[in-house]
Amino acid sequence: MLDRKIYQMYKEGCDVSVFLRDQQRWIEDAQIIGIEGDVVTIRYEMDEDYENSSWEEFVRLESIGAVSRKLACVPRGNTEINVSEDCPEAEQIYPRRQDQE
């Protein structure tokens, strides 16, 4: 089941987080760039001491304990988050009537 999910995320090309069971660590914001047999190629970037480094790791399929992807994100800081009432009335699923306000 996990191998099918990994293959699906590989085909979609989305950013994923991968938990390596044998190393007990997460690789975050990575991309699965290849699958060959039971070897998965993962590419990710790290920021350390003002240096960007790009890494590729070859991981055995049996070493992967979990794979997840980010569904949504919210910006940090003091920003106003849009809610459904802020959408134009034509785009609302259940438009509010004027007398309800």
N, C-alpha and C. Protein backbone atom coordinates (compact mmCIF):
# COMPACT_ATOMS: atom_id res chain seq x y z
N MET A 1 0.82 -1.19 0.00
CA MET A 1 0.00 0.00 0.00
C MET A 1 0.86 1.26 0.00
N LEU A 2 1.90 1.29 0.84
CA LEU A 2 2.78 2.45 0.91
C LEU A 2 3.53 2.66 -0.40
N ASP A 3 3.93 1.57 -1.04
CA ASP A 3 4.65 1.70 -2.31
C ASP A 3 3.77 2.32 -3.40
N ARG A 4 2.48 2.03 -3.39
CA ARG A 4 1.57 2.66 -4.36
C ARG A 4 1.42 4.15 -4.09
N LYS A 5 1.35 4.52 -2.80
CA LYS A 5 1.23 5.94 -2.43
C LYS A 5 2.51 6.69 -2.82
N ILE A 6 3.65 6.08 -2.61
CA ILE A 6 4.93 6.71 -3.00
C ILE A 6 4.97 6.89 -4.51
N TYR A 7 4.54 5.89 -5.26
CA TYR A 7 4.53 5.99 -6.72
C TYR A 7 3.57 7.09 -7.17
N GLN A 8 2.41 7.21 -6.53
CA GLN A 8 1.44 8.25 -6.88
C GLN A 8 2.04 9.64 -6.63
N MET A 9 2.71 9.83 -5.50
CA MET A 9 3.34 11.12 -5.20
C MET A 9 4.50 11.42 -6.14
N TYR A 10 5.18 10.38 -6.58
CA TYR A 10 6.25 10.53 -7.56
C TYR A 10 5.68 11.04 -8.89
N LYS A 11 4.57 10.47 -9.33
CA LYS A 11 3.94 10.87 -10.59
C LYS A 11 3.39 12.30 -10.50
N GLU A 12 2.86 12.69 -9.35
CA GLU A 12 2.30 14.03 -9.18
C GLU A 12 3.40 15.09 -9.06
N GLY A 13 4.58 14.70 -8.62
CA GLY A 13 5.69 15.64 -8.48
C GLY A 13 5.52 16.63 -7.35
N CYS A 14 4.73 16.29 -6.34
CA CYS A 14 4.47 17.22 -5.24
C CYS A 14 5.56 17.11 -4.16
N ASP A 15 5.65 18.15 -3.33
CA ASP A 15 6.57 18.12 -2.20
C ASP A 15 6.03 17.18 -1.13
N VAL A 16 6.91 16.40 -0.55
CA VAL A 16 6.51 15.41 0.45
C VAL A 16 7.44 15.47 1.65
N SER A 17 7.01 14.87 2.73
CA SER A 17 7.85 14.61 3.89
C SER A 17 7.96 13.10 4.01
N VAL A 18 9.18 12.62 4.21
CA VAL A 18 9.43 11.18 4.25
C VAL A 18 10.07 10.83 5.59
N PHE A 19 9.52 9.83 6.28
CA PHE A 19 10.11 9.36 7.52
C PHE A 19 10.95 8.13 7.23
N LEU A 20 12.24 8.21 7.56
CA LEU A 20 13.14 7.08 7.37
C LEU A 20 13.18 6.27 8.66
N ARG A 21 12.64 5.10 8.60
CA ARG A 21 12.48 4.25 9.78
C ARG A 21 13.81 3.85 10.39
N ASP A 22 14.78 3.47 9.56
CA ASP A 22 16.05 3.00 10.09
C ASP A 22 16.89 4.11 10.70
N GLN A 23 16.69 5.37 10.27
CA GLN A 23 17.45 6.50 10.81
C GLN A 23 16.65 7.32 11.81
N GLN A 24 15.36 7.02 11.93
CA GLN A 24 14.47 7.72 12.86
C GLN A 24 14.51 9.23 12.64
N ARG A 25 14.37 9.65 11.37
CA ARG A 25 14.35 11.08 11.05
C ARG A 25 13.40 11.36 9.90
N TRP A 26 12.95 12.61 9.83
CA TRP A 26 12.09 13.08 8.76
C TRP A 26 12.91 13.87 7.76
N ILE A 27 12.64 13.69 6.50
CA ILE A 27 13.15 14.55 5.43
C ILE A 27 11.95 15.35 4.96
N GLU A 28 12.00 16.68 5.14
CA GLU A 28 10.86 17.52 4.83
C GLU A 28 11.08 18.30 3.54
N ASP A 29 9.99 18.69 2.91
CA ASP A 29 10.01 19.46 1.66
C ASP A 29 10.91 18.81 0.62
N ALA A 30 10.71 17.53 0.42
CA ALA A 30 11.49 16.76 -0.54
C ALA A 30 10.64 16.42 -1.76
N GLN A 31 11.30 15.96 -2.80
CA GLN A 31 10.60 15.46 -3.98
C GLN A 31 11.12 14.07 -4.29
N ILE A 32 10.21 13.20 -4.64
CA ILE A 32 10.59 11.86 -5.08
C ILE A 32 10.87 11.99 -6.57
N ILE A 33 12.12 11.81 -6.95
CA ILE A 33 12.48 12.05 -8.35
C ILE A 33 12.72 10.77 -9.13
N GLY A 34 12.69 9.64 -8.46
CA GLY A 34 12.87 8.39 -9.20
C GLY A 34 12.56 7.18 -8.35
N ILE A 35 12.07 6.15 -9.02
CA ILE A 35 11.82 4.85 -8.38
C ILE A 35 12.35 3.80 -9.34
N GLU A 36 13.25 3.00 -8.85
CA GLU A 36 13.80 1.92 -9.66
C GLU A 36 13.91 0.67 -8.80
N GLY A 37 13.05 -0.29 -9.08
CA GLY A 37 13.01 -1.49 -8.26
C GLY A 37 12.53 -1.14 -6.86
N ASP A 38 13.34 -1.46 -5.85
CA ASP A 38 12.97 -1.10 -4.47
C ASP A 38 13.79 0.07 -3.95
N VAL A 39 14.39 0.87 -4.85
CA VAL A 39 15.18 2.04 -4.47
C VAL A 39 14.45 3.31 -4.90
N VAL A 40 14.26 4.22 -3.94
CA VAL A 40 13.57 5.49 -4.17
C VAL A 40 14.60 6.61 -4.09
N THR A 41 14.62 7.50 -5.08
CA THR A 41 15.53 8.63 -5.07
C THR A 41 14.77 9.86 -4.59
N ILE A 42 15.32 10.51 -3.55
CA ILE A 42 14.68 11.67 -2.94
C ILE A 42 15.63 12.86 -3.04
N ARG A 43 15.10 14.01 -3.47
CA ARG A 43 15.89 15.24 -3.54
C ARG A 43 15.28 16.27 -2.59
N TYR A 44 16.17 16.93 -1.84
CA TYR A 44 15.71 17.96 -0.91
C TYR A 44 16.82 18.99 -0.72
N GLU A 45 16.45 20.13 -0.15
CA GLU A 45 17.40 21.21 0.10
C GLU A 45 17.45 21.50 1.59
N MET A 46 18.62 21.93 2.05
CA MET A 46 18.80 22.29 3.46
C MET A 46 19.45 23.67 3.54
N ASP A 47 19.05 24.44 4.52
CA ASP A 47 19.65 25.74 4.80
C ASP A 47 20.40 25.65 6.11
N GLU A 48 21.71 25.77 6.06
CA GLU A 48 22.52 25.74 7.27
C GLU A 48 23.55 26.85 7.21
N ASP A 49 23.58 27.68 8.23
CA ASP A 49 24.56 28.76 8.34
C ASP A 49 24.65 29.58 7.06
N TYR A 50 23.50 30.02 6.57
CA TYR A 50 23.40 30.87 5.38
C TYR A 50 23.91 30.19 4.12
N GLU A 51 23.92 28.87 4.10
CA GLU A 51 24.31 28.11 2.91
C GLU A 51 23.15 27.22 2.49
N ASN A 52 22.87 27.21 1.22
CA ASN A 52 21.87 26.28 0.68
C ASN A 52 22.60 25.08 0.11
N SER A 53 22.17 23.91 0.47
CA SER A 53 22.72 22.70 -0.12
C SER A 53 21.61 21.82 -0.62
N SER A 54 21.83 21.23 -1.76
CA SER A 54 20.85 20.33 -2.36
C SER A 54 21.37 18.91 -2.23
N TRP A 55 20.50 18.00 -1.80
CA TRP A 55 20.89 16.62 -1.55
C TRP A 55 20.00 15.67 -2.33
N GLU A 56 20.58 14.57 -2.73
CA GLU A 56 19.84 13.44 -3.28
C GLU A 56 20.21 12.22 -2.47
N GLU A 57 19.19 11.50 -2.06
CA GLU A 57 19.44 10.27 -1.30
C GLU A 57 18.74 9.11 -1.99
N PHE A 58 19.41 7.98 -1.98
CA PHE A 58 18.83 6.74 -2.48
C PHE A 58 18.41 5.94 -1.26
N VAL A 59 17.13 5.65 -1.17
CA VAL A 59 16.57 5.00 0.01
C VAL A 59 15.86 3.73 -0.42
N ARG A 60 16.06 2.68 0.34
CA ARG A 60 15.33 1.45 0.07
C ARG A 60 13.88 1.63 0.48
N LEU A 61 12.98 1.07 -0.27
CA LEU A 61 11.55 1.18 -0.01
C LEU A 61 11.19 0.68 1.38
N GLU A 62 11.85 -0.37 1.84
CA GLU A 62 11.56 -0.93 3.16
C GLU A 62 12.02 -0.01 4.30
N SER A 63 12.90 0.97 4.02
CA SER A 63 13.36 1.91 5.04
C SER A 63 12.37 3.05 5.26
N ILE A 64 11.44 3.25 4.35
CA ILE A 64 10.48 4.34 4.46
C ILE A 64 9.34 3.90 5.36
N GLY A 65 9.14 4.65 6.44
CA GLY A 65 8.08 4.31 7.39
C GLY A 65 6.79 5.06 7.12
N ALA A 66 6.90 6.29 6.58
CA ALA A 66 5.71 7.09 6.31
C ALA A 66 6.04 8.15 5.27
N VAL A 67 5.02 8.53 4.52
CA VAL A 67 5.13 9.60 3.53
C VAL A 67 3.90 10.48 3.68
N SER A 68 4.12 11.78 3.72
CA SER A 68 2.98 12.69 3.82
C SER A 68 3.23 13.90 2.94
N ARG A 69 2.15 14.59 2.61
CA ARG A 69 2.29 15.82 1.85
C ARG A 69 1.46 16.90 2.52
N LYS A 70 1.87 18.12 2.30
CA LYS A 70 1.22 19.26 2.91
C LYS A 70 -0.06 19.57 2.15
N LEU A 71 -1.16 19.66 2.86
CA LEU A 71 -2.43 19.96 2.22
C LEU A 71 -2.64 21.46 2.04
N ALA A 72 -2.20 22.23 3.02
CA ALA A 72 -2.37 23.68 2.95
C ALA A 72 -1.36 24.34 3.88
N CYS A 73 -1.17 25.62 3.70
CA CYS A 73 -0.30 26.36 4.59
C CYS A 73 -0.88 27.74 4.82
N VAL A 74 -0.53 28.30 5.96
CA VAL A 74 -1.00 29.63 6.33
C VAL A 74 0.22 30.49 6.59
N PRO A 75 0.27 31.69 6.02
CA PRO A 75 1.45 32.53 6.22
C PRO A 75 1.57 32.96 7.68
N ARG A 76 2.81 33.05 8.14
CA ARG A 76 3.05 33.54 9.50
C ARG A 76 3.00 35.05 9.50
N GLY A 77 2.85 35.59 10.67
CA GLY A 77 2.86 37.03 10.78
C GLY A 77 1.48 37.59 11.01
N ASN A 78 1.41 38.88 10.99
CA ASN A 78 0.17 39.58 11.27
C ASN A 78 -0.54 39.88 9.96
N THR A 79 -1.08 38.87 9.32
CA THR A 79 -1.79 39.05 8.06
C THR A 79 -3.25 38.69 8.25
N GLU A 80 -4.07 39.28 7.47
CA GLU A 80 -5.51 39.01 7.52
C GLU A 80 -5.81 37.77 6.68
N ILE A 81 -6.43 36.79 7.27
CA ILE A 81 -6.76 35.55 6.57
C ILE A 81 -8.16 35.69 5.99
N ASN A 82 -8.29 35.39 4.70
CA ASN A 82 -9.60 35.47 4.05
C ASN A 82 -10.47 34.32 4.52
N VAL A 83 -11.73 34.62 4.73
CA VAL A 83 -12.71 33.60 5.09
C VAL A 83 -13.79 33.58 4.03
N SER A 84 -14.69 32.64 4.12
CA SER A 84 -15.68 32.46 3.05
C SER A 84 -16.56 33.68 2.84
N GLU A 85 -16.82 34.45 3.90
CA GLU A 85 -17.66 35.64 3.73
C GLU A 85 -16.97 36.71 2.88
N ASP A 86 -15.65 36.65 2.75
CA ASP A 86 -14.91 37.63 1.97
C ASP A 86 -14.99 37.37 0.47
N CYS A 87 -15.47 36.20 0.07
CA CYS A 87 -15.58 35.87 -1.35
C CYS A 87 -16.72 36.67 -1.97
N PRO A 88 -16.62 36.92 -3.27
CA PRO A 88 -17.75 37.56 -3.94
C PRO A 88 -18.98 36.67 -3.81
N GLU A 89 -20.15 37.28 -3.75
CA GLU A 89 -21.39 36.54 -3.52
C GLU A 89 -21.63 35.48 -4.59
N ALA A 90 -21.22 35.76 -5.83
CA ALA A 90 -21.43 34.80 -6.91
C ALA A 90 -20.61 33.53 -6.71
N GLU A 91 -19.49 33.62 -5.95
CA GLU A 91 -18.63 32.46 -5.74
C GLU A 91 -18.96 31.70 -4.47
N GLN A 92 -19.82 32.25 -3.63
CA GLN A 92 -20.17 31.59 -2.38
C GLN A 92 -21.10 30.41 -2.66
N ILE A 93 -20.91 29.34 -1.91
CA ILE A 93 -21.76 28.16 -2.09
C ILE A 93 -23.17 28.47 -1.61
N TYR A 94 -23.30 29.06 -0.46
CA TYR A 94 -24.58 29.46 0.08
C TYR A 94 -24.53 30.96 0.33
N PRO A 95 -24.85 31.76 -0.65
CA PRO A 95 -24.75 33.21 -0.48
C PRO A 95 -25.64 33.71 0.66
N ARG A 96 -25.11 34.64 1.42
CA ARG A 96 -25.89 35.24 2.50
C ARG A 96 -26.90 36.21 1.91
N ARG A 97 -28.07 36.22 2.50
CA ARG A 97 -29.06 37.20 2.09
C ARG A 97 -28.78 38.51 2.83
N GLN A 98 -29.15 39.62 2.23
CA GLN A 98 -28.90 40.92 2.82
C GLN A 98 -29.61 41.12 4.14
N ASP A 99 -30.78 40.50 4.34
CA ASP A 99 -31.53 40.69 5.59
C ASP A 99 -30.96 39.90 6.75
N GLN A 100 -29.99 38.99 6.50
CA GLN A 100 -29.39 38.21 7.57
C GLN A 100 -28.23 38.95 8.24
N GLU A 101 -27.75 40.00 7.64
CA GLU A 101 -26.59 40.70 8.19
C GLU A 101 -26.94 41.62 9.30
